[in-house]
Amino acid sequence: MSITVIPTRSEHTITFKVDKVLLPHGKSLVFSELGAAELHPMARALMAITGVNSGWMMANEIMVTKETDIRWATVKPKVMETIRKVQSDAP
């Protein structure tokens, strides 16, 4: 699986673009708490990562926002590993 990391204007948010469709075109999912994250396996797995504050998923992109006191060097490898794992488990 290919993951492209795209910086955003916010130092606390990164977009991860994958080579598989996560949600149908025109649909999106915002997740900032476990209840909303339960709607999709990727959201649930990402919210379980220590340091992830929220996310937004659409088509083949996942925008992840981390806690302000956590460094990307700590969170980014876990996010990428989680994306790969969840996608490999997907039907």
PDB file of N, CA and C in Angstrom:
ATOM      1  N   MET A   1       0.826  -1.175   0.000  1.00  0.00           N
ATOM      2  CA  MET A   1       0.000   0.000   0.000  1.00  0.00           C
ATOM      3  C   MET A   1       0.872   1.241   0.000  1.00  0.00           C
ATOM      4  N   SER A   2       0.484   2.185  -0.793  1.00  0.00           N
ATOM      5  CA  SER A   2       1.197   3.451  -0.886  1.00  0.00           C
ATOM      6  C   SER A   2       0.507   4.493  -0.005  1.00  0.00           C
ATOM      7  N   ILE A   3       1.310   5.204   0.790  1.00  0.00           N
ATOM      8  CA  ILE A   3       0.796   6.299   1.617  1.00  0.00           C
ATOM      9  C   ILE A   3       1.645   7.535   1.316  1.00  0.00           C
ATOM     10  N   THR A   4       0.990   8.600   0.905  1.00  0.00           N
ATOM     11  CA  THR A   4       1.663   9.867   0.663  1.00  0.00           C
ATOM     12  C   THR A   4       1.326  10.803   1.812  1.00  0.00           C
ATOM     13  N   VAL A   5       2.349  11.403   2.412  1.00  0.00           N
ATOM     14  CA  VAL A   5       2.159  12.326   3.523  1.00  0.00           C
ATOM     15  C   VAL A   5       2.151  13.747   2.964  1.00  0.00           C
ATOM     16  N   ILE A   6       1.069  14.471   3.254  1.00  0.00           N
ATOM     17  CA  ILE A   6       0.901  15.825   2.734  1.00  0.00           C
ATOM     18  C   ILE A   6       0.765  16.785   3.921  1.00  0.00           C
ATOM     19  N   PRO A   7       1.724  17.697   4.083  1.00  0.00           N
ATOM     20  CA  PRO A   7       1.619  18.674   5.171  1.00  0.00           C
ATOM     21  C   PRO A   7       0.415  19.596   4.956  1.00  0.00           C
ATOM     22  N   THR A   8      -0.076  20.179   6.033  1.00  0.00           N
ATOM     23  CA  THR A   8      -1.156  21.157   5.959  1.00  0.00           C
ATOM     24  C   THR A   8      -0.667  22.470   6.552  1.00  0.00           C
ATOM     25  N   ARG A   9      -1.523  23.449   6.581  1.00  0.00           N
ATOM     26  CA  ARG A   9      -1.149  24.748   7.173  1.00  0.00           C
ATOM     27  C   ARG A   9      -0.933  24.662   8.672  1.00  0.00           C
ATOM     28  N   SER A  10      -1.574  23.688   9.295  1.00  0.00           N
ATOM     29  CA  SER A  10      -1.436  23.522  10.742  1.00  0.00           C
ATOM     30  C   SER A  10      -0.281  22.578  11.052  1.00  0.00           C
ATOM     31  N   GLU A  11       0.548  22.958  11.977  1.00  0.00           N
ATOM     32  CA  GLU A  11       1.662  22.089  12.365  1.00  0.00           C
ATOM     33  C   GLU A  11       1.183  20.835  13.096  1.00  0.00           C
ATOM     34  N   HIS A  12      -0.070  20.804  13.507  1.00  0.00           N
ATOM     35  CA  HIS A  12      -0.607  19.675  14.259  1.00  0.00           C
ATOM     36  C   HIS A  12      -1.444  18.730  13.397  1.00  0.00           C
ATOM     37  N   THR A  13      -1.580  19.035  12.097  1.00  0.00           N
ATOM     38  CA  THR A  13      -2.409  18.231  11.213  1.00  0.00           C
ATOM     39  C   THR A  13      -1.621  17.807   9.981  1.00  0.00           C
ATOM     40  N   ILE A  14      -1.766  16.542   9.617  1.00  0.00           N
ATOM     41  CA  ILE A  14      -1.145  15.987   8.410  1.00  0.00           C
ATOM     42  C   ILE A  14      -2.214  15.204   7.658  1.00  0.00           C
ATOM     43  N   THR A  15      -2.159  15.264   6.325  1.00  0.00           N
ATOM     44  CA  THR A  15      -3.038  14.454   5.489  1.00  0.00           C
ATOM     45  C   THR A  15      -2.254  13.240   4.994  1.00  0.00           C
ATOM     46  N   PHE A  16      -2.868  12.083   5.101  1.00  0.00           N
ATOM     47  CA  PHE A  16      -2.289  10.835   4.619  1.00  0.00           C
ATOM     48  C   PHE A  16      -3.149  10.375   3.440  1.00  0.00           C
ATOM     49  N   LYS A  17      -2.575  10.362   2.233  1.00  0.00           N
ATOM     50  CA  LYS A  17      -3.299   9.949   1.036  1.00  0.00           C
ATOM     51  C   LYS A  17      -2.913   8.506   0.725  1.00  0.00           C
ATOM     52  N   VAL A  18      -3.926   7.655   0.566  1.00  0.00           N
ATOM     53  CA  VAL A  18      -3.677   6.231   0.312  1.00  0.00           C
ATOM     54  C   VAL A  18      -4.122   5.881  -1.102  1.00  0.00           C
ATOM     55  N   ASP A  19      -3.707   4.718  -1.569  1.00  0.00           N
ATOM     56  CA  ASP A  19      -4.027   4.314  -2.938  1.00  0.00           C
ATOM     57  C   ASP A  19      -5.271   3.425  -3.026  1.00  0.00           C
ATOM     58  N   LYS A  20      -6.090   3.439  -1.979  1.00  0.00           N
ATOM     59  CA  LYS A  20      -7.347   2.702  -1.970  1.00  0.00           C
ATOM     60  C   LYS A  20      -8.458   3.637  -1.508  1.00  0.00           C
ATOM     61  N   VAL A  21      -9.657   3.391  -1.992  1.00  0.00           N
ATOM     62  CA  VAL A  21     -10.802   4.212  -1.595  1.00  0.00           C
ATOM     63  C   VAL A  21     -11.270   3.776  -0.210  1.00  0.00           C
ATOM     64  N   LEU A  22     -11.364   4.730   0.700  1.00  0.00           N
ATOM     65  CA  LEU A  22     -11.812   4.469   2.070  1.00  0.00           C
ATOM     66  C   LEU A  22     -13.307   4.701   2.227  1.00  0.00           C
ATOM     67  N   LEU A  23     -13.810   5.731   1.562  1.00  0.00           N
ATOM     68  CA  LEU A  23     -15.230   6.075   1.587  1.00  0.00           C
ATOM     69  C   LEU A  23     -15.670   6.403   0.162  1.00  0.00           C
ATOM     70  N   PRO A  24     -16.937   6.160  -0.158  1.00  0.00           N
ATOM     71  CA  PRO A  24     -17.430   6.500  -1.496  1.00  0.00           C
ATOM     72  C   PRO A  24     -17.256   7.989  -1.794  1.00  0.00           C
ATOM     73  N   HIS A  25     -17.067   8.307  -3.061  1.00  0.00           N
ATOM     74  CA  HIS A  25     -16.914   9.695  -3.491  1.00  0.00           C
ATOM     75  C   HIS A  25     -18.088  10.537  -2.979  1.00  0.00           C
ATOM     76  N   GLY A  26     -17.776  11.691  -2.415  1.00  0.00           N
ATOM     77  CA  GLY A  26     -18.805  12.587  -1.906  1.00  0.00           C
ATOM     78  C   GLY A  26     -19.165  12.356  -0.448  1.00  0.00           C
ATOM     79  N   LYS A  27     -18.666  11.288   0.157  1.00  0.00           N
ATOM     80  CA  LYS A  27     -18.935  10.993   1.571  1.00  0.00           C
ATOM     81  C   LYS A  27     -17.706  11.358   2.391  1.00  0.00           C
ATOM     82  N   SER A  28     -17.925  11.746   3.634  1.00  0.00           N
ATOM     83  CA  SER A  28     -16.807  12.023   4.534  1.00  0.00           C
ATOM     84  C   SER A  28     -17.207  11.638   5.950  1.00  0.00           C
ATOM     85  N   LEU A  29     -16.204  11.493   6.797  1.00  0.00           N
ATOM     86  CA  LEU A  29     -16.431  11.136   8.195  1.00  0.00           C
ATOM     87  C   LEU A  29     -15.470  11.935   9.057  1.00  0.00           C
ATOM     88  N   VAL A  30     -16.030  12.729   9.955  1.00  0.00           N
ATOM     89  CA  VAL A  30     -15.234  13.473  10.928  1.00  0.00           C
ATOM     90  C   VAL A  30     -15.277  12.683  12.219  1.00  0.00           C
ATOM     91  N   PHE A  31     -14.106  12.460  12.822  1.00  0.00           N
ATOM     92  CA  PHE A  31     -14.088  11.721  14.079  1.00  0.00           C
ATOM     93  C   PHE A  31     -13.165  12.416  15.069  1.00  0.00           C
ATOM     94  N   SER A  32     -13.760  12.779  16.197  1.00  0.00           N
ATOM     95  CA  SER A  32     -12.982  13.414  17.257  1.00  0.00           C
ATOM     96  C   SER A  32     -13.266  12.767  18.598  1.00  0.00           C
ATOM     97  N   GLU A  33     -14.136  11.786  18.580  1.00  0.00           N
ATOM     98  CA  GLU A  33     -14.409  11.024  19.790  1.00  0.00           C
ATOM     99  C   GLU A  33     -14.730   9.597  19.383  1.00  0.00           C
ATOM    100  N   LEU A  34     -14.621   8.698  20.334  1.00  0.00           N
ATOM    101  CA  LEU A  34     -14.774   7.287  20.040  1.00  0.00           C
ATOM    102  C   LEU A  34     -16.129   6.946  19.434  1.00  0.00           C
ATOM    103  N   GLY A  35     -17.204   7.614  19.847  1.00  0.00           N
ATOM    104  CA  GLY A  35     -18.529   7.320  19.310  1.00  0.00           C
ATOM    105  C   GLY A  35     -18.585   7.467  17.801  1.00  0.00           C
ATOM    106  N   ALA A  36     -18.066   8.570  17.288  1.00  0.00           N
ATOM    107  CA  ALA A  36     -18.037   8.791  15.839  1.00  0.00           C
ATOM    108  C   ALA A  36     -17.041   7.858  15.184  1.00  0.00           C
ATOM    109  N   ALA A  37     -15.951   7.576  15.859  1.00  0.00           N
ATOM    110  CA  ALA A  37     -14.925   6.695  15.298  1.00  0.00           C
ATOM    111  C   ALA A  37     -15.432   5.272  15.107  1.00  0.00           C
ATOM    112  N   GLU A  38     -16.440   4.891  15.879  1.00  0.00           N
ATOM    113  CA  GLU A  38     -16.984   3.535  15.763  1.00  0.00           C
ATOM    114  C   GLU A  38     -17.667   3.300  14.416  1.00  0.00           C
ATOM    115  N   LEU A  39     -17.910   4.359  13.663  1.00  0.00           N
ATOM    116  CA  LEU A  39     -18.602   4.232  12.378  1.00  0.00           C
ATOM    117  C   LEU A  39     -17.728   3.647  11.279  1.00  0.00           C
ATOM    118  N   HIS A  40     -16.410   3.589  11.478  1.00  0.00           N
ATOM    119  CA  HIS A  40     -15.500   3.070  10.448  1.00  0.00           C
ATOM    120  C   HIS A  40     -14.290   2.449  11.131  1.00  0.00           C
ATOM    121  N   PRO A  41     -13.847   1.269  10.672  1.00  0.00           N
ATOM    122  CA  PRO A  41     -12.692   0.604  11.309  1.00  0.00           C
ATOM    123  C   PRO A  41     -11.418   1.452  11.309  1.00  0.00           C
ATOM    124  N   MET A  42     -11.200   2.248  10.240  1.00  0.00           N
ATOM    125  CA  MET A  42      -9.998   3.082  10.184  1.00  0.00           C
ATOM    126  C   MET A  42     -10.063   4.166  11.256  1.00  0.00           C
ATOM    127  N   ALA A  43     -11.205   4.817  11.392  1.00  0.00           N
ATOM    128  CA  ALA A  43     -11.366   5.865  12.398  1.00  0.00           C
ATOM    129  C   ALA A  43     -11.183   5.295  13.801  1.00  0.00           C
ATOM    130  N   ARG A  44     -11.780   4.140  14.055  1.00  0.00           N
ATOM    131  CA  ARG A  44     -11.670   3.499  15.368  1.00  0.00           C
ATOM    132  C   ARG A  44     -10.208   3.198  15.699  1.00  0.00           C
ATOM    133  N   ALA A  45      -9.468   2.667  14.743  1.00  0.00           N
ATOM    134  CA  ALA A  45      -8.060   2.315  14.974  1.00  0.00           C
ATOM    135  C   ALA A  45      -7.198   3.554  15.179  1.00  0.00           C
ATOM    136  N   LEU A  46      -7.453   4.603  14.402  1.00  0.00           N
ATOM    137  CA  LEU A  46      -6.655   5.821  14.542  1.00  0.00           C
ATOM    138  C   LEU A  46      -6.912   6.526  15.871  1.00  0.00           C
ATOM    139  N   MET A  47      -8.163   6.560  16.318  1.00  0.00           N
ATOM    140  CA  MET A  47      -8.473   7.210  17.592  1.00  0.00           C
ATOM    141  C   MET A  47      -7.902   6.436  18.786  1.00  0.00           C
ATOM    142  N   ALA A  48      -7.545   5.189  18.580  1.00  0.00           N
ATOM    143  CA  ALA A  48      -6.943   4.389  19.651  1.00  0.00           C
ATOM    144  C   ALA A  48      -5.457   4.702  19.845  1.00  0.00           C
ATOM    145  N   ILE A  49      -4.868   5.444  18.921  1.00  0.00           N
ATOM    146  CA  ILE A  49      -3.444   5.794  19.007  1.00  0.00           C
ATOM    147  C   ILE A  49      -3.275   6.949  19.992  1.00  0.00           C
ATOM    148  N   THR A  50      -2.398   6.768  20.959  1.00  0.00           N
ATOM    149  CA  THR A  50      -2.089   7.830  21.915  1.00  0.00           C
ATOM    150  C   THR A  50      -1.512   9.022  21.169  1.00  0.00           C
ATOM    151  N   GLY A  51      -2.084  10.186  21.392  1.00  0.00           N
ATOM    152  CA  GLY A  51      -1.607  11.404  20.749  1.00  0.00           C
ATOM    153  C   GLY A  51      -2.483  11.868  19.605  1.00  0.00           C
ATOM    154  N   VAL A  52      -3.358  10.989  19.072  1.00  0.00           N
ATOM    155  CA  VAL A  52      -4.271  11.407  18.008  1.00  0.00           C
ATOM    156  C   VAL A  52      -5.468  12.090  18.655  1.00  0.00           C
ATOM    157  N   ASN A  53      -5.755  13.296  18.202  1.00  0.00           N
ATOM    158  CA  ASN A  53      -6.836  14.102  18.756  1.00  0.00           C
ATOM    159  C   ASN A  53      -8.120  13.973  17.947  1.00  0.00           C
ATOM    160  N   SER A  54      -7.996  13.967  16.614  1.00  0.00           N
ATOM    161  CA  SER A  54      -9.173  13.889  15.757  1.00  0.00           C
ATOM    162  C   SER A  54      -8.753  13.549  14.337  1.00  0.00           C
ATOM    163  N   GLY A  55      -9.748  13.351  13.489  1.00  0.00           N
ATOM    164  CA  GLY A  55      -9.459  13.053  12.099  1.00  0.00           C
ATOM    165  C   GLY A  55     -10.640  13.330  11.201  1.00  0.00           C
ATOM    166  N   TRP A  56     -10.373  13.304   9.934  1.00  0.00           N
ATOM    167  CA  TRP A  56     -11.384  13.517   8.920  1.00  0.00           C
ATOM    168  C   TRP A  56     -11.014  12.632   7.747  1.00  0.00           C
ATOM    169  N   MET A  57     -11.943  11.844   7.290  1.00  0.00           N
ATOM    170  CA  MET A  57     -11.685  10.889   6.228  1.00  0.00           C
ATOM    171  C   MET A  57     -12.640  11.151   5.069  1.00  0.00           C
ATOM    172  N   MET A  58     -12.113  11.100   3.856  1.00  0.00           N
ATOM    173  CA  MET A  58     -12.950  11.167   2.666  1.00  0.00           C
ATOM    174  C   MET A  58     -12.210  10.502   1.510  1.00  0.00           C
ATOM    175  N   ALA A  59     -12.944   9.830   0.669  1.00  0.00           N
ATOM    176  CA  ALA A  59     -12.397   9.142  -0.505  1.00  0.00           C
ATOM    177  C   ALA A  59     -11.130   8.367  -0.128  1.00  0.00           C
ATOM    178  N   ASN A  60      -9.971   8.887  -0.528  1.00  0.00           N
ATOM    179  CA  ASN A  60      -8.717   8.185  -0.251  1.00  0.00           C
ATOM    180  C   ASN A  60      -7.748   9.022   0.593  1.00  0.00           C
ATOM    181  N   GLU A  61      -8.297   9.912   1.416  1.00  0.00           N
ATOM    182  CA  GLU A  61      -7.460  10.750   2.272  1.00  0.00           C
ATOM    183  C   GLU A  61      -7.934  10.707   3.715  1.00  0.00           C
ATOM    184  N   ILE A  62      -6.955  10.759   4.616  1.00  0.00           N
ATOM    185  CA  ILE A  62      -7.236  10.819   6.045  1.00  0.00           C
ATOM    186  C   ILE A  62      -6.439  11.996   6.603  1.00  0.00           C
ATOM    187  N   MET A  63      -7.142  12.980   7.140  1.00  0.00           N
ATOM    188  CA  MET A  63      -6.477  14.102   7.780  1.00  0.00           C
ATOM    189  C   MET A  63      -6.467  13.818   9.280  1.00  0.00           C
ATOM    190  N   VAL A  64      -5.283  13.778   9.862  1.00  0.00           N
ATOM    191  CA  VAL A  64      -5.137  13.450  11.282  1.00  0.00           C
ATOM    192  C   VAL A  64      -4.568  14.662  12.019  1.00  0.00           C
ATOM    193  N   THR A  65      -5.204  14.989  13.142  1.00  0.00           N
ATOM    194  CA  THR A  65      -4.716  16.055  14.014  1.00  0.00           C
ATOM    195  C   THR A  65      -4.237  15.429  15.315  1.00  0.00           C
ATOM    196  N   LYS A  66      -3.038  15.802  15.709  1.00  0.00           N
ATOM    197  CA  LYS A  66      -2.438  15.245  16.930  1.00  0.00           C
ATOM    198  C   LYS A  66      -2.623  16.211  18.093  1.00  0.00           C
ATOM    199  N   GLU A  67      -2.423  15.708  19.289  1.00  0.00           N
ATOM    200  CA  GLU A  67      -2.419  16.555  20.478  1.00  0.00           C
ATOM    201  C   GLU A  67      -1.257  17.547  20.357  1.00  0.00           C
ATOM    202  N   THR A  68      -1.438  18.754  20.850  1.00  0.00           N
ATOM    203  CA  THR A  68      -0.417  19.791  20.686  1.00  0.00           C
ATOM    204  C   THR A  68       0.885  19.500  21.429  1.00  0.00           C
ATOM    205  N   ASP A  69       0.816  18.717  22.496  1.00  0.00           N
ATOM    206  CA  ASP A  69       2.030  18.449  23.278  1.00  0.00           C
ATOM    207  C   ASP A  69       2.757  17.175  22.839  1.00  0.00           C
ATOM    208  N   ILE A  70       2.309  16.554  21.757  1.00  0.00           N
ATOM    209  CA  ILE A  70       2.933  15.343  21.230  1.00  0.00           C
ATOM    210  C   ILE A  70       3.634  15.689  19.921  1.00  0.00           C
ATOM    211  N   ARG A  71       4.793  15.082  19.686  1.00  0.00           N
ATOM    212  CA  ARG A  71       5.551  15.344  18.456  1.00  0.00           C
ATOM    213  C   ARG A  71       5.108  14.388  17.343  1.00  0.00           C
ATOM    214  N   TRP A  72       5.159  14.875  16.102  1.00  0.00           N
ATOM    215  CA  TRP A  72       4.822  14.012  14.968  1.00  0.00           C
ATOM    216  C   TRP A  72       5.766  12.819  14.875  1.00  0.00           C
ATOM    217  N   ALA A  73       6.991  12.996  15.311  1.00  0.00           N
ATOM    218  CA  ALA A  73       7.951  11.891  15.261  1.00  0.00           C
ATOM    219  C   ALA A  73       7.454  10.690  16.064  1.00  0.00           C
ATOM    220  N   THR A  74       6.647  10.949  17.072  1.00  0.00           N
ATOM    221  CA  THR A  74       6.075   9.885  17.897  1.00  0.00           C
ATOM    222  C   THR A  74       4.819   9.306  17.270  1.00  0.00           C
ATOM    223  N   VAL A  75       3.965  10.163  16.735  1.00  0.00           N
ATOM    224  CA  VAL A  75       2.641   9.759  16.269  1.00  0.00           C
ATOM    225  C   VAL A  75       2.636   9.257  14.820  1.00  0.00           C
ATOM    226  N   LYS A  76       3.353   9.928  13.930  1.00  0.00           N
ATOM    227  CA  LYS A  76       3.272   9.627  12.492  1.00  0.00           C
ATOM    228  C   LYS A  76       3.579   8.170  12.142  1.00  0.00           C
ATOM    229  N   PRO A  77       4.635   7.562  12.685  1.00  0.00           N
ATOM    230  CA  PRO A  77       4.888   6.155  12.351  1.00  0.00           C
ATOM    231  C   PRO A  77       3.747   5.234  12.788  1.00  0.00           C
ATOM    232  N   LYS A  78       3.135   5.538  13.930  1.00  0.00           N
ATOM    233  CA  LYS A  78       2.014   4.721  14.417  1.00  0.00           C
ATOM    234  C   LYS A  78       0.789   4.892  13.523  1.00  0.00           C
ATOM    235  N   VAL A  79       0.545   6.115  13.057  1.00  0.00           N
ATOM    236  CA  VAL A  79      -0.580   6.366  12.153  1.00  0.00           C
ATOM    237  C   VAL A  79      -0.369   5.590  10.849  1.00  0.00           C
ATOM    238  N   MET A  80       0.827   5.666  10.284  1.00  0.00           N
ATOM    239  CA  MET A  80       1.101   4.978   9.019  1.00  0.00           C
ATOM    240  C   MET A  80       0.984   3.464   9.183  1.00  0.00           C
ATOM    241  N   GLU A  81       1.503   2.940  10.275  1.00  0.00           N
ATOM    242  CA  GLU A  81       1.407   1.504  10.553  1.00  0.00           C
ATOM    243  C   GLU A  81      -0.060   1.084  10.695  1.00  0.00           C
ATOM    244  N   THR A  82      -0.838   1.892  11.375  1.00  0.00           N
ATOM    245  CA  THR A  82      -2.260   1.594  11.578  1.00  0.00           C
ATOM    246  C   THR A  82      -3.022   1.623  10.257  1.00  0.00           C
ATOM    247  N   ILE A  83      -2.753   2.619   9.424  1.00  0.00           N
ATOM    248  CA  ILE A  83      -3.411   2.695   8.118  1.00  0.00           C
ATOM    249  C   ILE A  83      -3.105   1.433   7.311  1.00  0.00           C
ATOM    250  N   ARG A  84      -1.838   1.036   7.274  1.00  0.00           N
ATOM    251  CA  ARG A  84      -1.463  -0.169   6.526  1.00  0.00           C
ATOM    252  C   ARG A  84      -2.160  -1.422   7.090  1.00  0.00           C
ATOM    253  N   LYS A  85      -2.188  -1.534   8.400  1.00  0.00           N
ATOM    254  CA  LYS A  85      -2.792  -2.717   9.036  1.00  0.00           C
ATOM    255  C   LYS A  85      -4.285  -2.800   8.748  1.00  0.00           C
ATOM    256  N   VAL A  86      -4.988  -1.687   8.939  1.00  0.00           N
ATOM    257  CA  VAL A  86      -6.429  -1.697   8.727  1.00  0.00           C
ATOM    258  C   VAL A  86      -6.747  -1.974   7.251  1.00  0.00           C
ATOM    259  N   GLN A  87      -5.985  -1.387   6.351  1.00  0.00           N
ATOM    260  CA  GLN A  87      -6.228  -1.630   4.920  1.00  0.00           C
ATOM    261  C   GLN A  87      -5.914  -3.072   4.519  1.00  0.00           C
ATOM    262  N   SER A  88      -4.906  -3.662   5.137  1.00  0.00           N
ATOM    263  CA  SER A  88      -4.579  -5.057   4.807  1.00  0.00           C
ATOM    264  C   SER A  88      -5.638  -6.011   5.340  1.00  0.00           C
ATOM    265  N   ASP A  89      -6.336  -5.620   6.400  1.00  0.00           N
ATOM    266  CA  ASP A  89      -7.395  -6.436   6.976  1.00  0.00           C
ATOM    267  C   ASP A  89      -8.742  -6.245   6.264  1.00  0.00           C
ATOM    268  N   ALA A  90      -8.838  -5.169   5.459  1.00  0.00           N
ATOM    269  CA  ALA A  90     -10.111  -4.843   4.784  1.00  0.00           C
ATOM    270  C   ALA A  90     -10.401  -5.847   3.675  1.00  0.00           C
ATOM    271  N   PRO A  91     -11.688  -6.128   3.451  1.00  0.00           N
ATOM    272  CA  PRO A  91     -12.052  -7.084   2.387  1.00  0.00           C
ATOM    273  C   PRO A  91     -11.760  -6.553   0.995  1.00  0.00           C
TER     274      PRO A  91
END
